[in-house]
Amino acid sequence: MAEQREKLHIVVFPWLAFGHIGPYFELAKLIAQKGHKISFISTPRNIHRLPKVPENLQPLVDLIELPLPRVDKLPENAEATMDIPHHLIPYLKLAFDGLQQPLAKFLERCKPHWIIYDFAPYWLPPTTSKLGISCISFCIFSASGMTTFFEFIRRTTSGSESSWSKDIPEEHNESNESGVSDVFRVLTTSDAAQVIASRSCMEIEGEALKVCKSMYSKPVIPVGLLPPSLQFSEDRNDENLDTILNWLGKQEEGSVMYVAFGSEVTLSDEDFTEISMGIEMSGFPFFWVLKMQNTSKVELQDLIVNNSGKGLVWRRWAPQVRILAHKSVGGFLTHCGWSSVIESLQVGCPLVMLPFQIEQFVNARLMEEKRVGVKVQRSEDDGKFTRESLANALRSVMLEKTYRSEAEEMSKIFGDKELHQKYIDEFVEHMEIHRPAIKD
């Protein structure tokens, strides 16, 4: 008979971006399915934007709201990166740092066994150490992205060069309006953690995970890819879903290009124009989820008119997994964030890759090597792309069957729930075996 271990109380505390909150929430639900108590902590607006917790897990998952303090230059009601342009993110980090005392009081009162945190709360380790709470630093990047960031840190401290770490902007090593750099946050939180958790699996990133494990003097545990459930993704009261599905249902099978660049990419005027014109040149119907920061562009109306009704520009939240799984969608024009890559390949949808920042370039290279998509060519001189290079990449993915075939083959790994559940089982078992003794 298997040994019955005492149930754990685990706090889950993601950074204020839905590219982070989403996978943290998926991980929290999967841990709760093993019978452990979860306290999922974020700000009120972010908590209200989460999908509903499945009924069978509601007794085990508490959603804890910590109000975000006001910060000058941060718009009212801005509680996630999706609410602001990129240049205001340092002020969101400054507001996030204001959660230090409320979170400390919660931890002192509840005394959880573990806390799973993100890169941002550099101020948290002294509190967890004092209370005897064990820490897991959960990186939502690919393992390849993790190794690249590690190489970037090593390059900035030693002056050495790395071909992949050149893709990371120097801004991450510079102090910003929050008072510290992203590199400082990452180093502090990862150094203090007892475990590093990676959103990856050996079947996709075996070599990169081996490199990760050699980098840290502590366990590095893959938790699987956390492919979101279609059922969970649809379990929200979204009055716009019928509009989306009706429009997609009128398009021919495999004819639509889905376009979305995540919550943290704010397009420049030049990039917006080239993307708009590139989509128009390609001639394919499109469904474009556009951030509010980009909807004031004059080109938007021209794009809609010139495409003679072929496109739908969506300015609100959209059920991305549901759209990608629709039979009319033939490709995904994406910034290549790891969550977007997983969601697309989970349903066998090939990629047109236009990375903008951090590990997105690394993910694009990795997926290009696996032939599940095409990267939009940029100039070697200035790093810019053109409407022509974008249109060419769109046509390649939409017209050449190879990419669809490879993406569908890759879905056997990305969408394998049983495979990824095994990683969750091993991760939870580690937390159970290494359960800390809570201090009084």
Protein backbone atom coordinates (compact mmCIF):
# COMPACT_ATOMS: atom_id res chain seq x y z
CA MET A 1 0.00 0.00 0.00
CA ALA A 2 1.34 3.43 -0.94
CA GLU A 3 2.43 5.64 1.94
CA GLN A 4 -0.18 8.27 2.88
CA ARG A 5 1.56 11.62 3.25
CA GLU A 6 0.12 14.60 5.09
CA LYS A 7 -1.57 17.15 2.86
CA LEU A 8 0.31 20.35 2.16
CA HIS A 9 -0.65 24.02 2.11
CA ILE A 10 0.99 25.73 -0.86
CA VAL A 11 0.92 29.44 -1.73
CA VAL A 12 1.13 30.33 -5.42
CA PHE A 13 2.25 33.90 -6.19
CA PRO A 14 2.78 34.86 -9.85
CA TRP A 15 4.02 38.10 -11.41
CA LEU A 16 1.30 40.45 -12.70
CA ALA A 17 1.22 39.29 -16.33
CA PHE A 18 -1.30 36.84 -17.69
CA GLY A 19 1.46 35.03 -19.55
CA HIS A 20 2.62 34.18 -16.01
CA ILE A 21 -0.71 34.08 -14.14
CA GLY A 22 -2.17 31.56 -16.61
CA PRO A 23 0.44 28.80 -16.22
CA TYR A 24 0.67 29.44 -12.46
CA PHE A 25 -3.09 28.96 -12.24
CA GLU A 26 -2.91 25.74 -14.28
CA LEU A 27 -0.13 24.45 -12.01
CA ALA A 28 -2.14 25.39 -8.92
CA LYS A 29 -5.18 23.43 -10.12
CA LEU A 30 -3.08 20.37 -10.97
CA ILE A 31 -1.52 20.39 -7.50
CA ALA A 32 -4.97 20.76 -5.94
CA GLN A 33 -6.12 17.69 -7.87
CA LYS A 34 -3.61 15.75 -5.75
CA GLY A 35 -5.52 16.84 -2.64
CA HIS A 36 -3.31 19.69 -1.44
CA LYS A 37 -4.53 23.09 -0.25
CA ILE A 38 -3.74 26.06 -2.54
CA SER A 39 -3.76 29.78 -1.76
CA PHE A 40 -3.52 31.57 -5.11
CA ILE A 41 -2.55 35.20 -4.56
CA SER A 42 -2.90 38.14 -6.92
CA THR A 43 -4.63 41.52 -7.12
CA PRO A 44 -8.44 41.86 -7.09
CA ARG A 45 -8.85 42.66 -10.78
CA ASN A 46 -6.58 39.79 -11.83
CA ILE A 47 -8.39 37.33 -9.57
CA HIS A 48 -11.71 38.36 -11.11
CA ARG A 49 -10.29 37.82 -14.62
CA LEU A 50 -9.35 34.20 -13.90
CA PRO A 51 -11.41 31.33 -15.29
CA LYS A 52 -13.71 29.75 -12.75
CA VAL A 53 -12.10 27.14 -10.52
CA PRO A 54 -13.62 23.72 -11.35
CA GLU A 55 -16.33 22.84 -8.85
CA ASN A 56 -14.53 19.75 -7.55
CA LEU A 57 -11.44 21.83 -6.72
CA GLN A 58 -13.16 24.83 -5.12
CA PRO A 59 -12.80 23.47 -1.54
CA LEU A 60 -9.04 23.21 -2.11
CA VAL A 61 -8.29 26.47 -3.97
CA ASP A 62 -8.58 29.80 -2.17
CA LEU A 63 -8.28 32.90 -4.35
CA ILE A 64 -6.62 35.59 -2.23
CA GLU A 65 -6.88 39.24 -3.26
CA LEU A 66 -4.15 41.69 -2.24
CA PRO A 67 -4.95 45.26 -3.37
CA LEU A 68 -2.18 46.89 -5.38
CA PRO A 69 -0.92 50.16 -3.85
CA ARG A 70 -1.19 53.33 -5.92
CA VAL A 71 1.97 54.43 -7.72
CA ASP A 72 2.51 57.68 -9.60
CA LYS A 73 2.43 57.28 -13.41
CA LEU A 74 0.62 53.95 -13.15
CA PRO A 75 -2.95 54.30 -14.52
CA GLU A 76 -5.83 53.59 -12.17
CA ASN A 77 -7.04 49.97 -12.36
CA ALA A 78 -3.79 48.88 -14.03
CA GLU A 79 -3.06 45.56 -12.32
CA ALA A 80 -1.43 43.55 -15.12
CA THR A 81 0.92 44.14 -18.02
CA MET A 82 -2.03 43.80 -20.41
CA ASP A 83 -3.41 47.05 -18.96
CA ILE A 84 -0.41 49.22 -19.82
CA PRO A 85 2.17 49.91 -22.55
CA HIS A 86 5.60 48.34 -22.20
CA HIS A 87 7.37 51.47 -20.91
CA LEU A 88 5.14 51.58 -17.81
CA ILE A 89 5.94 48.04 -16.67
CA PRO A 90 8.67 49.24 -14.23
CA TYR A 91 5.97 51.21 -12.38
CA LEU A 92 3.84 48.07 -12.18
CA LYS A 93 6.85 46.32 -10.63
CA LEU A 94 7.15 49.16 -8.13
CA ALA A 95 3.49 48.72 -7.19
CA PHE A 96 4.00 44.94 -7.00
CA ASP A 97 6.84 45.52 -4.53
CA GLY A 98 4.28 47.32 -2.35
CA LEU A 99 2.67 43.93 -1.69
CA GLN A 100 5.61 42.97 0.55
CA GLN A 101 3.95 43.75 3.88
CA PRO A 102 0.43 42.42 3.07
CA LEU A 103 1.94 39.18 1.78
CA ALA A 104 4.19 38.84 4.83
CA LYS A 105 1.17 39.21 7.13
CA PHE A 106 -0.73 36.55 5.18
CA LEU A 107 2.20 34.12 5.37
CA GLU A 108 2.67 34.75 9.10
CA ARG A 109 -1.00 34.02 9.70
CA CYS A 110 -1.35 30.94 7.47
CA LYS A 111 2.14 29.41 7.69
CA PRO A 112 2.08 27.38 4.45
CA HIS A 113 4.59 24.60 3.81
CA TRP A 114 5.68 25.88 0.39
CA ILE A 115 5.42 29.01 -1.70
CA ILE A 116 5.75 28.87 -5.49
CA TYR A 117 6.84 32.30 -6.66
CA ASP A 118 7.88 34.10 -9.81
CA PHE A 119 11.02 36.08 -10.67
CA ALA A 120 9.80 39.42 -9.26
CA PRO A 121 9.51 39.31 -5.40
CA TYR A 122 13.20 39.75 -4.55
CA TRP A 123 12.10 41.02 -1.12
CA LEU A 124 10.32 37.78 -0.13
CA PRO A 125 13.17 35.36 0.86
CA PRO A 126 13.90 36.94 4.29
CA THR A 127 10.25 36.45 5.27
CA THR A 128 10.05 32.85 4.07
CA SER A 129 13.34 32.04 5.77
CA LYS A 130 12.14 33.48 9.08
CA LEU A 131 8.88 31.51 8.89
CA GLY A 132 10.48 28.25 7.72
CA ILE A 133 8.55 28.23 4.43
CA SER A 134 10.26 26.38 1.59
CA CYS A 135 10.43 28.17 -1.76
CA ILE A 136 10.08 27.08 -5.38
CA SER A 137 11.07 29.46 -8.14
CA PHE A 138 8.82 28.56 -11.07
CA CYS A 139 10.07 29.79 -14.45
CA ILE A 140 7.36 30.00 -17.12
CA PHE A 141 9.99 30.30 -19.86
CA SER A 142 11.14 27.34 -21.89
CA ALA A 143 14.21 25.53 -20.56
CA SER A 144 16.08 26.94 -23.56
CA GLY A 145 14.96 30.41 -22.49
CA MET A 146 16.16 29.73 -18.94
CA THR A 147 19.62 28.71 -20.13
CA THR A 148 19.78 31.77 -22.38
CA PHE A 149 18.96 34.10 -19.52
CA PHE A 150 21.57 32.37 -17.38
CA GLU A 151 24.12 32.87 -20.17
CA PHE A 152 23.08 36.52 -20.40
CA ILE A 153 23.73 37.00 -16.68
CA ARG A 154 27.11 35.28 -17.01
CA ARG A 155 27.96 37.44 -20.03
CA THR A 156 27.13 40.68 -18.23
CA THR A 157 29.20 39.72 -15.19
CA SER A 158 32.21 38.26 -17.03
CA GLY A 159 32.22 40.14 -20.33
CA SER A 160 32.07 36.91 -22.36
CA GLU A 161 29.86 36.48 -25.42
CA SER A 162 27.09 34.02 -26.25
CA SER A 163 25.28 33.77 -29.56
CA TRP A 164 21.86 33.13 -28.01
CA SER A 165 22.12 35.53 -25.06
CA LYS A 166 22.57 38.42 -27.50
CA ASP A 167 18.81 38.15 -28.08
CA ILE A 168 18.10 39.54 -24.59
CA PRO A 169 17.92 43.35 -24.32
CA GLU A 170 20.47 45.00 -22.04
CA GLU A 171 17.59 46.80 -20.24
CA HIS A 172 17.08 43.67 -18.12
CA ASN A 173 20.48 44.22 -16.49
CA GLU A 174 19.79 47.88 -15.70
CA SER A 175 17.98 49.28 -12.69
CA ASN A 176 14.64 50.79 -13.68
CA GLU A 177 11.98 52.94 -12.02
CA SER A 178 11.22 50.07 -9.62
CA GLY A 179 14.70 50.54 -8.12
CA VAL A 180 16.24 47.22 -9.16
CA SER A 181 16.98 45.33 -12.37
CA ASP A 182 15.23 42.22 -13.66
CA VAL A 183 18.54 40.37 -13.39
CA PHE A 184 18.72 41.23 -9.68
CA ARG A 185 15.17 39.97 -9.18
CA VAL A 186 15.88 36.70 -10.97
CA LEU A 187 19.16 36.07 -9.15
CA THR A 188 17.72 36.84 -5.71
CA THR A 189 14.59 34.71 -6.05
CA SER A 190 16.31 31.76 -7.71
CA ASP A 191 19.24 31.76 -5.25
CA ALA A 192 16.86 31.69 -2.27
CA ALA A 193 14.68 28.88 -3.63
CA GLN A 194 15.09 25.27 -2.56
CA VAL A 195 13.81 24.11 -5.97
CA ILE A 196 13.73 25.49 -9.52
CA ALA A 197 10.62 24.42 -11.45
CA SER A 198 10.62 24.57 -15.24
CA ARG A 199 7.65 24.60 -17.61
CA SER A 200 9.22 22.02 -19.87
CA CYS A 201 9.62 18.31 -20.51
CA MET A 202 12.45 16.00 -21.55
CA GLU A 203 10.65 14.98 -24.74
CA ILE A 204 10.89 18.55 -26.14
CA GLU A 205 13.89 20.08 -24.36
CA GLY A 206 15.94 17.22 -23.00
CA GLU A 207 19.32 18.81 -23.69
CA ALA A 208 18.29 22.25 -22.43
CA LEU A 209 16.99 20.72 -19.19
CA LYS A 210 20.28 18.90 -18.69
CA VAL A 211 22.07 22.24 -19.08
CA CYS A 212 19.66 23.86 -16.59
CA LYS A 213 20.36 21.15 -14.05
CA SER A 214 24.09 21.74 -14.42
CA MET A 215 23.65 25.48 -13.79
CA TYR A 216 22.02 25.30 -10.37
CA SER A 217 23.25 23.70 -7.15
CA LYS A 218 19.72 22.58 -6.33
CA PRO A 219 16.99 20.42 -7.88
CA VAL A 220 15.63 21.56 -11.25
CA ILE A 221 12.30 19.83 -11.78
CA PRO A 222 10.31 19.98 -15.04
CA VAL A 223 6.58 20.22 -14.36
CA GLY A 224 5.55 19.44 -17.93
CA LEU A 225 4.17 21.92 -20.44
CA LEU A 226 0.90 22.55 -18.57
CA PRO A 227 -1.24 22.49 -21.72
CA PRO A 228 -4.48 24.28 -20.81
CA SER A 229 -7.71 22.36 -20.85
CA LEU A 230 -10.17 23.38 -23.55
CA GLN A 231 -12.94 22.83 -21.04
CA PHE A 232 -11.32 25.17 -18.52
CA SER A 233 -10.60 27.74 -21.25
CA GLU A 234 -14.27 27.89 -22.20
CA ASP A 235 -15.55 27.92 -18.63
CA ARG A 236 -16.16 31.66 -18.37
CA ASN A 237 -19.22 33.78 -18.96
CA ASP A 238 -18.02 35.45 -22.17
CA GLU A 239 -20.84 37.00 -24.15
CA ASN A 240 -18.50 37.58 -27.09
CA LEU A 241 -17.73 33.89 -27.69
CA ASP A 242 -20.70 33.40 -30.03
CA THR A 243 -19.56 36.36 -32.16
CA ILE A 244 -16.09 34.87 -32.50
CA LEU A 245 -17.28 31.35 -33.29
CA ASN A 246 -19.88 32.58 -35.77
CA TRP A 247 -17.26 34.55 -37.69
CA LEU A 248 -14.79 31.65 -37.70
CA GLY A 249 -17.55 29.28 -38.74
CA LYS A 250 -18.13 31.25 -41.94
CA GLN A 251 -14.51 30.84 -43.09
CA GLU A 252 -13.09 27.96 -45.12
CA GLU A 253 -11.22 25.21 -43.30
CA GLY A 254 -7.59 26.12 -42.63
CA SER A 255 -7.92 29.54 -44.27
CA VAL A 256 -7.69 31.94 -41.31
CA MET A 257 -4.49 33.39 -39.84
CA TYR A 258 -4.89 34.01 -36.11
CA VAL A 259 -2.82 37.02 -34.99
CA ALA A 260 -1.88 37.84 -31.38
CA PHE A 261 1.27 39.14 -29.74
CA GLY A 262 0.59 38.53 -26.06
CA SER A 263 -0.07 40.91 -23.21
CA GLU A 264 3.40 42.45 -22.93
CA VAL A 265 4.22 43.40 -26.54
CA THR A 266 3.26 46.96 -27.49
CA LEU A 267 3.82 47.47 -31.21
CA SER A 268 5.60 50.56 -32.48
CA ASP A 269 3.88 52.58 -35.21
CA GLU A 270 6.36 51.20 -37.74
CA ASP A 271 5.87 47.58 -36.68
CA PHE A 272 2.10 48.00 -36.67
CA THR A 273 2.15 49.36 -40.21
CA GLU A 274 4.40 46.60 -41.55
CA ILE A 275 2.29 43.89 -39.89
CA SER A 276 -0.94 45.41 -41.19
CA MET A 277 0.37 45.70 -44.73
CA GLY A 278 2.01 42.27 -44.61
CA ILE A 279 -1.27 40.65 -43.62
CA GLU A 280 -3.03 42.53 -46.41
CA MET A 281 -0.39 41.45 -48.95
CA SER A 282 -0.79 37.81 -47.94
CA GLY A 283 -4.48 37.89 -48.84
CA PHE A 284 -5.59 35.49 -46.09
CA PRO A 285 -8.57 36.05 -43.79
CA PHE A 286 -7.35 36.98 -40.32
CA PHE A 287 -8.54 37.22 -36.73
CA TRP A 288 -6.36 39.79 -34.96
CA VAL A 289 -6.46 40.24 -31.19
CA LEU A 290 -5.16 43.77 -30.74
CA LYS A 291 -4.09 45.37 -27.47
CA MET A 292 -5.86 48.60 -26.56
CA GLN A 293 -2.55 50.47 -26.80
CA ASN A 294 -2.47 49.72 -30.53
CA THR A 295 -6.06 50.44 -31.53
CA SER A 296 -5.73 54.18 -32.16
CA LYS A 297 -3.66 53.66 -35.29
CA VAL A 298 -5.06 55.20 -38.46
CA GLU A 299 -3.94 52.13 -40.42
CA LEU A 300 -6.48 49.98 -38.58
CA GLN A 301 -9.41 51.32 -40.59
CA ASP A 302 -7.44 51.07 -43.83
CA LEU A 303 -6.60 47.46 -43.02
CA ILE A 304 -10.24 46.53 -42.48
CA VAL A 305 -11.45 48.38 -45.60
CA ASN A 306 -8.72 47.09 -47.91
CA ASN A 307 -9.31 43.50 -46.89
CA SER A 308 -12.96 43.84 -47.97
CA GLY A 309 -14.29 42.30 -44.80
CA LYS A 310 -11.76 39.44 -44.76
CA GLY A 311 -10.48 40.32 -41.33
CA LEU A 312 -11.84 40.68 -37.82
CA VAL A 313 -9.96 42.91 -35.37
CA TRP A 314 -10.78 42.00 -31.77
CA ARG A 315 -10.02 44.51 -29.02
CA ARG A 316 -11.10 42.50 -25.98
CA TRP A 317 -10.03 39.31 -24.25
CA ALA A 318 -10.25 36.35 -26.61
CA PRO A 319 -10.31 32.59 -25.86
CA GLN A 320 -7.00 31.88 -27.58
CA VAL A 321 -6.92 28.09 -27.20
CA ARG A 322 -10.49 27.81 -28.44
CA ILE A 323 -9.67 29.92 -31.51
CA LEU A 324 -6.48 28.00 -32.31
CA ALA A 325 -8.40 24.72 -32.13
CA HIS A 326 -11.05 25.90 -34.61
CA LYS A 327 -10.98 24.09 -37.95
CA SER A 328 -10.93 27.36 -39.92
CA VAL A 329 -7.61 28.48 -38.38
CA GLY A 330 -4.61 27.49 -40.49
CA GLY A 331 -1.78 29.33 -38.75
CA PHE A 332 -0.80 31.55 -35.82
CA LEU A 333 1.17 34.79 -36.24
CA THR A 334 2.74 35.03 -32.80
CA HIS A 335 5.43 36.77 -30.76
CA CYS A 336 6.52 33.27 -29.74
CA GLY A 337 5.96 33.54 -26.01
CA TRP A 338 6.23 30.05 -24.52
CA SER A 339 2.57 29.94 -23.46
CA SER A 340 1.43 30.84 -26.98
CA VAL A 341 3.74 28.22 -28.52
CA ILE A 342 2.35 25.55 -26.20
CA GLU A 343 -1.27 26.52 -26.83
CA SER A 344 -0.77 26.45 -30.60
CA LEU A 345 1.16 23.19 -30.85
CA GLN A 346 -1.15 21.54 -28.34
CA VAL A 347 -3.81 21.64 -31.08
CA GLY A 348 -1.38 21.17 -34.01
CA CYS A 349 -1.54 24.73 -35.36
CA PRO A 350 1.68 25.84 -37.16
CA LEU A 351 3.47 29.08 -36.31
CA VAL A 352 4.48 32.26 -38.09
CA MET A 353 7.03 33.57 -35.61
CA LEU A 354 7.71 37.28 -35.03
CA PRO A 355 9.59 37.53 -31.72
CA PHE A 356 10.17 40.89 -30.05
CA GLN A 357 11.83 40.37 -26.68
CA ILE A 358 13.63 38.13 -24.20
CA GLU A 359 13.25 34.39 -24.72
CA GLN A 360 10.85 34.76 -27.66
CA PHE A 361 13.81 34.73 -30.05
CA VAL A 362 15.08 31.53 -28.46
CA ASN A 363 11.68 29.86 -28.73
CA ALA A 364 11.46 30.88 -32.39
CA ARG A 365 14.83 29.28 -33.12
CA LEU A 366 13.82 26.11 -31.30
CA MET A 367 10.51 25.81 -33.15
CA GLU A 368 12.15 26.62 -36.47
CA GLU A 369 14.54 23.72 -35.88
CA LYS A 370 11.54 21.46 -35.28
CA ARG A 371 9.94 22.69 -38.55
CA VAL A 372 6.61 23.58 -36.98
CA GLY A 373 6.67 27.09 -38.41
CA VAL A 374 8.58 29.89 -40.11
CA LYS A 375 10.36 32.83 -38.50
CA VAL A 376 9.79 36.23 -40.12
CA GLN A 377 13.11 37.40 -41.51
CA ARG A 378 14.65 40.53 -39.98
CA SER A 379 17.49 42.65 -41.32
CA GLU A 380 20.90 41.70 -39.93
CA ASP A 381 21.81 45.39 -39.91
CA ASP A 382 18.98 46.95 -37.89
CA GLY A 383 16.82 43.98 -36.82
CA LYS A 384 13.76 45.30 -38.64
CA PHE A 385 11.28 43.24 -40.63
CA THR A 386 9.27 44.28 -43.67
CA ARG A 387 5.74 43.69 -44.89
CA GLU A 388 7.22 41.58 -47.69
CA SER A 389 9.12 39.28 -45.31
CA LEU A 390 6.00 38.91 -43.17
CA ALA A 391 3.77 38.13 -46.15
CA ASN A 392 6.28 35.54 -47.38
CA ALA A 393 6.31 33.79 -44.00
CA LEU A 394 2.50 33.82 -43.86
CA ARG A 395 2.23 32.27 -47.31
CA SER A 396 4.80 29.58 -46.47
CA VAL A 397 2.94 28.40 -43.38
CA MET A 398 -0.54 28.66 -44.87
CA LEU A 399 0.27 27.03 -48.23
CA GLU A 400 3.00 24.47 -47.49
CA LYS A 401 1.56 21.33 -45.89
CA THR A 402 4.86 20.38 -44.24
CA TYR A 403 4.46 22.84 -41.37
CA ARG A 404 0.91 21.75 -40.59
CA SER A 405 2.00 18.11 -40.70
CA GLU A 406 4.94 18.69 -38.34
CA ALA A 407 2.77 20.74 -35.97
CA GLU A 408 0.16 18.00 -35.84
CA GLU A 409 2.89 15.46 -35.10
CA MET A 410 4.25 17.71 -32.34
CA SER A 411 0.76 17.94 -30.80
CA LYS A 412 1.19 14.30 -29.76
CA ILE A 413 3.70 15.56 -27.19
CA PHE A 414 2.44 19.09 -26.45
CA GLY A 415 -1.14 17.89 -25.96
CA ASP A 416 -0.41 14.60 -24.16
CA LYS A 417 -2.18 15.10 -20.82
CA GLU A 418 -0.99 11.76 -19.41
CA LEU A 419 2.63 12.57 -20.19
CA HIS A 420 2.48 15.95 -18.49
CA GLN A 421 0.55 14.56 -15.53
CA LYS A 422 3.52 12.28 -14.81
CA TYR A 423 5.71 15.37 -14.46
CA ILE A 424 3.18 16.91 -12.06
CA ASP A 425 3.11 13.68 -10.04
CA GLU A 426 6.90 13.74 -9.66
CA PHE A 427 6.90 17.45 -8.78
CA VAL A 428 4.22 17.03 -6.10
CA GLU A 429 5.97 13.95 -4.72
CA HIS A 430 9.13 16.04 -4.24
CA MET A 431 7.16 18.62 -2.25
CA GLU A 432 5.58 15.87 -0.14
CA ILE A 433 8.88 14.13 0.61
CA HIS A 434 10.67 17.39 1.41
CA ARG A 435 7.83 18.88 3.43
CA PRO A 436 9.31 21.48 5.79
CA ALA A 437 8.61 21.65 9.49
CA ILE A 438 6.64 24.86 10.04
CA LYS A 439 8.05 27.20 12.69
CA ASP A 440 5.73 28.40 15.47
